[in-house]
Amino acid sequence: MEPTSAGSGYRGDDFYCDVAISHPDRLDVVHEDSRVLAFHHTRPFWAVHVVVVPKRHISSLTTVTAADEADIRALLATVQSVARDVESKHGAAAVLTNLGAYQDSKHLHIHVHSGNRVT
């Protein structure tokens, strides 16, 4: 599969556990370690669009508990590094997460993006 088609036709509710984390070889990976995966979005909304996810399933930012501390620290360190790189290369970056009905995939994920919205 091409990296941009890794999510084509996916109909589940946790793309990150079901597809991305299980098959990083199908993605354009920016960073991977034992706790975190960061990759270029498979269907980008912006000119530069990277998604950062914890490898261990955490449903949402609002469900994080003290037991998730190590994963959240690793996630935020990766978000900071990716955002710093995007800002450096493109002059600006935004960091975003979605909650509740706005969260299509029920796995905590953070978007780092820059540039115009892709139509």
N, C-alpha and C. Protein backbone atom coordinates (compact mmCIF):
# COMPACT_ATOMS: atom_id res chain seq x y z
N MET A 1 0.82 -1.20 0.00
CA MET A 1 0.00 0.00 0.00
C MET A 1 0.86 1.25 0.00
N GLU A 2 0.40 2.27 -0.68
CA GLU A 2 1.06 3.56 -0.63
C GLU A 2 0.80 4.19 0.73
N PRO A 3 1.76 4.97 1.26
CA PRO A 3 1.55 5.60 2.54
C PRO A 3 0.26 6.41 2.62
N THR A 4 -0.12 7.09 1.56
CA THR A 4 -1.32 7.92 1.61
C THR A 4 -2.60 7.10 1.53
N SER A 5 -2.50 5.81 1.25
CA SER A 5 -3.71 5.01 1.16
C SER A 5 -3.87 4.07 2.35
N ALA A 6 -3.05 4.22 3.37
CA ALA A 6 -3.12 3.33 4.52
C ALA A 6 -4.48 3.33 5.18
N GLY A 7 -5.20 4.44 5.13
CA GLY A 7 -6.50 4.53 5.77
C GLY A 7 -7.66 4.46 4.81
N SER A 8 -7.40 4.27 3.53
CA SER A 8 -8.47 4.26 2.54
C SER A 8 -9.49 3.17 2.84
N GLY A 9 -10.74 3.57 2.91
CA GLY A 9 -11.81 2.60 3.12
C GLY A 9 -11.96 2.12 4.55
N TYR A 10 -11.18 2.62 5.48
CA TYR A 10 -11.28 2.18 6.88
C TYR A 10 -12.62 2.59 7.46
N ARG A 11 -13.29 1.67 8.15
CA ARG A 11 -14.62 1.94 8.68
C ARG A 11 -14.72 1.74 10.20
N GLY A 12 -13.64 1.43 10.88
CA GLY A 12 -13.69 1.20 12.32
C GLY A 12 -13.69 2.50 13.12
N ASP A 13 -13.48 2.40 14.43
CA ASP A 13 -13.47 3.61 15.26
C ASP A 13 -12.12 3.88 15.92
N ASP A 14 -11.10 3.05 15.62
CA ASP A 14 -9.76 3.30 16.16
C ASP A 14 -8.72 2.98 15.09
N PHE A 15 -8.60 3.88 14.14
CA PHE A 15 -7.63 3.72 13.05
C PHE A 15 -6.22 3.52 13.58
N TYR A 16 -5.89 4.18 14.68
CA TYR A 16 -4.52 4.15 15.19
C TYR A 16 -4.15 2.77 15.71
N CYS A 17 -4.99 2.14 16.52
CA CYS A 17 -4.71 0.78 16.98
C CYS A 17 -4.85 -0.23 15.84
N ASP A 18 -5.90 -0.09 15.06
CA ASP A 18 -6.22 -1.09 14.04
C ASP A 18 -5.29 -1.07 12.84
N VAL A 19 -4.80 0.11 12.44
CA VAL A 19 -4.03 0.22 11.21
C VAL A 19 -2.65 0.83 11.44
N ALA A 20 -2.58 2.05 11.94
CA ALA A 20 -1.32 2.79 11.99
C ALA A 20 -0.25 2.12 12.85
N ILE A 21 -0.58 1.83 14.10
CA ILE A 21 0.41 1.26 15.02
C ILE A 21 0.79 -0.15 14.60
N SER A 22 -0.17 -0.89 14.06
CA SER A 22 0.10 -2.26 13.61
C SER A 22 0.89 -2.34 12.32
N HIS A 23 0.81 -1.28 11.49
CA HIS A 23 1.45 -1.31 10.17
C HIS A 23 2.16 0.01 9.85
N PRO A 24 3.15 0.40 10.67
CA PRO A 24 3.83 1.66 10.39
C PRO A 24 4.56 1.67 9.05
N ASP A 25 4.85 0.47 8.52
CA ASP A 25 5.50 0.36 7.21
C ASP A 25 4.63 0.91 6.09
N ARG A 26 3.34 1.07 6.32
CA ARG A 26 2.41 1.61 5.33
C ARG A 26 2.28 3.13 5.42
N LEU A 27 3.01 3.73 6.35
CA LEU A 27 2.89 5.16 6.63
C LEU A 27 4.19 5.90 6.31
N ASP A 28 4.09 7.20 6.19
CA ASP A 28 5.27 8.06 6.07
C ASP A 28 5.62 8.51 7.49
N VAL A 29 6.42 7.70 8.17
CA VAL A 29 6.73 7.88 9.59
C VAL A 29 7.74 9.01 9.79
N VAL A 30 7.43 9.87 10.75
CA VAL A 30 8.30 10.98 11.14
C VAL A 30 9.12 10.58 12.37
N HIS A 31 8.49 9.83 13.29
CA HIS A 31 9.14 9.41 14.54
C HIS A 31 8.45 8.14 15.02
N GLU A 32 9.27 7.22 15.54
CA GLU A 32 8.72 6.03 16.18
C GLU A 32 9.66 5.59 17.27
N ASP A 33 9.09 5.31 18.44
CA ASP A 33 9.84 4.69 19.53
C ASP A 33 8.90 3.72 20.24
N SER A 34 9.27 3.22 21.38
CA SER A 34 8.46 2.21 22.05
C SER A 34 7.11 2.73 22.54
N ARG A 35 6.96 4.04 22.70
CA ARG A 35 5.72 4.61 23.24
C ARG A 35 4.91 5.44 22.26
N VAL A 36 5.55 5.98 21.22
CA VAL A 36 4.89 6.98 20.38
C VAL A 36 5.17 6.72 18.89
N LEU A 37 4.15 7.02 18.07
CA LEU A 37 4.28 6.98 16.62
C LEU A 37 3.83 8.33 16.08
N ALA A 38 4.63 8.93 15.20
CA ALA A 38 4.26 10.18 14.52
C ALA A 38 4.43 9.95 13.03
N PHE A 39 3.44 10.36 12.26
CA PHE A 39 3.47 10.12 10.82
C PHE A 39 2.67 11.19 10.08
N HIS A 40 2.98 11.34 8.80
CA HIS A 40 2.21 12.25 7.96
C HIS A 40 0.81 11.67 7.79
N HIS A 41 -0.19 12.49 8.01
CA HIS A 41 -1.59 12.07 7.94
C HIS A 41 -1.86 11.38 6.61
N THR A 42 -2.66 10.33 6.63
CA THR A 42 -2.95 9.57 5.42
C THR A 42 -3.92 10.31 4.50
N ARG A 43 -4.69 11.24 5.06
CA ARG A 43 -5.59 12.10 4.27
C ARG A 43 -5.46 13.51 4.84
N PRO A 44 -4.38 14.22 4.52
CA PRO A 44 -4.08 15.50 5.17
C PRO A 44 -5.15 16.57 4.94
N PHE A 45 -5.38 17.36 5.99
CA PHE A 45 -6.29 18.50 5.93
C PHE A 45 -5.52 19.79 5.64
N TRP A 46 -4.21 19.79 5.92
CA TRP A 46 -3.35 20.97 5.73
C TRP A 46 -2.14 20.58 4.89
N ALA A 47 -1.45 21.58 4.35
CA ALA A 47 -0.27 21.34 3.51
C ALA A 47 0.75 20.47 4.23
N VAL A 48 0.99 20.74 5.50
CA VAL A 48 1.83 19.89 6.35
C VAL A 48 0.92 19.38 7.45
N HIS A 49 0.82 18.07 7.62
CA HIS A 49 -0.12 17.51 8.60
C HIS A 49 0.45 16.21 9.17
N VAL A 50 0.95 16.30 10.38
CA VAL A 50 1.53 15.15 11.07
C VAL A 50 0.62 14.77 12.24
N VAL A 51 0.42 13.48 12.45
CA VAL A 51 -0.37 12.97 13.56
C VAL A 51 0.58 12.27 14.53
N VAL A 52 0.41 12.54 15.82
CA VAL A 52 1.24 11.93 16.85
C VAL A 52 0.32 11.16 17.80
N VAL A 53 0.61 9.87 18.02
CA VAL A 53 -0.25 9.03 18.85
C VAL A 53 0.58 8.21 19.84
N PRO A 54 0.01 7.97 21.02
CA PRO A 54 0.65 7.01 21.92
C PRO A 54 0.39 5.61 21.36
N LYS A 55 1.36 4.72 21.48
CA LYS A 55 1.17 3.36 20.97
C LYS A 55 0.22 2.55 21.87
N ARG A 56 0.23 2.85 23.15
CA ARG A 56 -0.71 2.19 24.06
C ARG A 56 -2.04 2.90 23.92
N HIS A 57 -3.12 2.15 23.87
CA HIS A 57 -4.43 2.77 23.68
C HIS A 57 -4.81 3.65 24.87
N ILE A 58 -5.03 4.92 24.56
CA ILE A 58 -5.60 5.88 25.50
C ILE A 58 -6.73 6.52 24.70
N SER A 59 -7.93 6.49 25.21
CA SER A 59 -9.11 6.92 24.44
C SER A 59 -9.10 8.37 24.04
N SER A 60 -8.72 9.25 24.97
CA SER A 60 -8.88 10.68 24.73
C SER A 60 -8.08 11.46 25.76
N LEU A 61 -7.84 12.72 25.47
CA LEU A 61 -7.18 13.59 26.44
C LEU A 61 -7.97 13.66 27.74
N THR A 62 -9.29 13.60 27.66
CA THR A 62 -10.12 13.72 28.86
C THR A 62 -10.22 12.43 29.66
N THR A 63 -9.65 11.33 29.17
CA THR A 63 -9.65 10.08 29.92
C THR A 63 -8.29 9.76 30.53
N VAL A 64 -7.31 10.62 30.32
CA VAL A 64 -5.96 10.39 30.83
C VAL A 64 -5.98 10.34 32.36
N THR A 65 -5.24 9.36 32.92
CA THR A 65 -5.11 9.22 34.38
C THR A 65 -3.64 9.19 34.74
N ALA A 66 -3.36 9.16 36.02
CA ALA A 66 -1.97 9.10 36.51
C ALA A 66 -1.25 7.87 35.95
N ALA A 67 -1.97 6.80 35.68
CA ALA A 67 -1.36 5.58 35.13
C ALA A 67 -0.81 5.79 33.71
N ASP A 68 -1.24 6.86 33.05
CA ASP A 68 -0.82 7.15 31.69
C ASP A 68 0.36 8.12 31.62
N GLU A 69 0.90 8.52 32.76
CA GLU A 69 1.89 9.59 32.80
C GLU A 69 3.08 9.37 31.87
N ALA A 70 3.67 8.21 31.90
CA ALA A 70 4.87 7.97 31.06
C ALA A 70 4.53 8.10 29.57
N ASP A 71 3.37 7.58 29.18
CA ASP A 71 2.97 7.67 27.77
C ASP A 71 2.66 9.12 27.37
N ILE A 72 2.02 9.86 28.26
CA ILE A 72 1.68 11.26 27.96
C ILE A 72 2.93 12.12 27.91
N ARG A 73 3.87 11.87 28.81
CA ARG A 73 5.14 12.61 28.75
C ARG A 73 5.86 12.35 27.42
N ALA A 74 5.90 11.09 27.01
CA ALA A 74 6.55 10.74 25.74
C ALA A 74 5.80 11.35 24.56
N LEU A 75 4.47 11.31 24.61
CA LEU A 75 3.65 11.90 23.56
C LEU A 75 3.93 13.39 23.43
N LEU A 76 3.90 14.11 24.55
CA LEU A 76 4.11 15.57 24.50
C LEU A 76 5.53 15.93 24.09
N ALA A 77 6.50 15.14 24.48
CA ALA A 77 7.88 15.40 24.04
C ALA A 77 7.98 15.25 22.52
N THR A 78 7.30 14.25 21.97
CA THR A 78 7.31 14.06 20.52
C THR A 78 6.55 15.17 19.82
N VAL A 79 5.40 15.56 20.36
CA VAL A 79 4.63 16.67 19.79
C VAL A 79 5.50 17.92 19.76
N GLN A 80 6.19 18.20 20.85
CA GLN A 80 7.06 19.38 20.92
C GLN A 80 8.15 19.31 19.85
N SER A 81 8.78 18.17 19.70
CA SER A 81 9.85 18.01 18.72
C SER A 81 9.32 18.17 17.29
N VAL A 82 8.20 17.53 16.98
CA VAL A 82 7.61 17.63 15.65
C VAL A 82 7.18 19.06 15.38
N ALA A 83 6.52 19.70 16.35
CA ALA A 83 6.06 21.08 16.17
C ALA A 83 7.24 22.04 15.97
N ARG A 84 8.31 21.82 16.73
CA ARG A 84 9.50 22.65 16.57
C ARG A 84 10.07 22.52 15.16
N ASP A 85 10.11 21.30 14.66
CA ASP A 85 10.62 21.05 13.31
C ASP A 85 9.71 21.68 12.24
N VAL A 86 8.40 21.50 12.38
CA VAL A 86 7.46 22.10 11.42
C VAL A 86 7.56 23.62 11.46
N GLU A 87 7.60 24.20 12.64
CA GLU A 87 7.72 25.65 12.78
C GLU A 87 9.01 26.15 12.14
N SER A 88 10.10 25.44 12.39
CA SER A 88 11.39 25.83 11.83
C SER A 88 11.39 25.80 10.31
N LYS A 89 10.80 24.76 9.73
CA LYS A 89 10.80 24.59 8.28
C LYS A 89 9.76 25.43 7.56
N HIS A 90 8.63 25.72 8.23
CA HIS A 90 7.50 26.36 7.55
C HIS A 90 7.10 27.71 8.16
N GLY A 91 7.78 28.13 9.23
CA GLY A 91 7.51 29.44 9.81
C GLY A 91 6.37 29.48 10.80
N ALA A 92 5.59 28.43 10.90
CA ALA A 92 4.46 28.39 11.83
C ALA A 92 4.01 26.94 11.99
N ALA A 93 3.37 26.68 13.13
CA ALA A 93 2.79 25.36 13.37
C ALA A 93 1.62 25.52 14.33
N ALA A 94 0.66 24.65 14.21
CA ALA A 94 -0.46 24.59 15.14
C ALA A 94 -0.53 23.17 15.70
N VAL A 95 -0.99 23.07 16.94
CA VAL A 95 -1.14 21.78 17.60
C VAL A 95 -2.60 21.65 18.03
N LEU A 96 -3.22 20.51 17.71
CA LEU A 96 -4.65 20.36 17.91
C LEU A 96 -4.99 18.93 18.31
N THR A 97 -5.95 18.77 19.23
CA THR A 97 -6.55 17.47 19.47
C THR A 97 -8.06 17.67 19.50
N ASN A 98 -8.79 16.61 19.22
CA ASN A 98 -10.24 16.67 19.20
C ASN A 98 -10.81 15.81 20.32
N LEU A 99 -12.01 16.18 20.78
CA LEU A 99 -12.67 15.47 21.88
C LEU A 99 -14.12 15.16 21.52
N GLY A 100 -14.65 14.14 22.17
CA GLY A 100 -16.07 13.81 22.01
C GLY A 100 -16.45 13.56 20.57
N ALA A 101 -17.55 14.17 20.14
CA ALA A 101 -18.07 13.97 18.79
C ALA A 101 -17.10 14.47 17.73
N TYR A 102 -16.19 15.37 18.09
CA TYR A 102 -15.19 15.86 17.13
C TYR A 102 -14.08 14.85 16.88
N GLN A 103 -13.99 13.83 17.71
CA GLN A 103 -12.90 12.86 17.64
C GLN A 103 -13.36 11.64 16.85
N ASP A 104 -13.03 11.59 15.54
CA ASP A 104 -13.45 10.47 14.70
C ASP A 104 -12.84 9.15 15.15
N SER A 105 -11.54 9.14 15.43
CA SER A 105 -10.88 7.93 15.89
C SER A 105 -10.76 7.99 17.41
N LYS A 106 -11.31 7.01 18.08
CA LYS A 106 -11.38 7.02 19.55
C LYS A 106 -10.08 6.54 20.18
N HIS A 107 -9.01 7.22 19.81
CA HIS A 107 -7.66 6.96 20.32
C HIS A 107 -7.02 8.33 20.39
N LEU A 108 -6.47 8.70 21.53
CA LEU A 108 -5.84 10.00 21.68
C LEU A 108 -4.85 10.22 20.54
N HIS A 109 -4.98 11.34 19.87
CA HIS A 109 -4.06 11.70 18.80
C HIS A 109 -3.98 13.22 18.72
N ILE A 110 -2.80 13.68 18.37
CA ILE A 110 -2.56 15.12 18.29
C ILE A 110 -2.07 15.44 16.88
N HIS A 111 -2.70 16.45 16.30
CA HIS A 111 -2.34 16.92 14.97
C HIS A 111 -1.34 18.07 15.10
N VAL A 112 -0.27 18.02 14.32
CA VAL A 112 0.67 19.14 14.19
C VAL A 112 0.57 19.54 12.73
N HIS A 113 0.20 20.81 12.48
CA HIS A 113 0.00 21.19 11.09
C HIS A 113 0.47 22.60 10.80
N SER A 114 0.62 22.86 9.51
CA SER A 114 1.04 24.17 9.04
C SER A 114 0.57 24.32 7.60
N GLY A 115 0.42 25.57 7.20
CA GLY A 115 0.07 25.86 5.81
C GLY A 115 -1.42 25.89 5.56
N ASN A 116 -1.74 26.08 4.31
CA ASN A 116 -3.14 26.20 3.89
C ASN A 116 -3.86 24.88 4.00
N ARG A 117 -5.14 24.98 4.20
CA ARG A 117 -6.00 23.81 4.23
C ARG A 117 -6.04 23.19 2.83
N VAL A 118 -5.95 21.86 2.78
CA VAL A 118 -6.00 21.12 1.52
C VAL A 118 -7.47 20.89 1.19
N THR A 119 -7.83 21.14 -0.05
CA THR A 119 -9.24 20.95 -0.44
C THR A 119 -9.49 19.62 -1.07
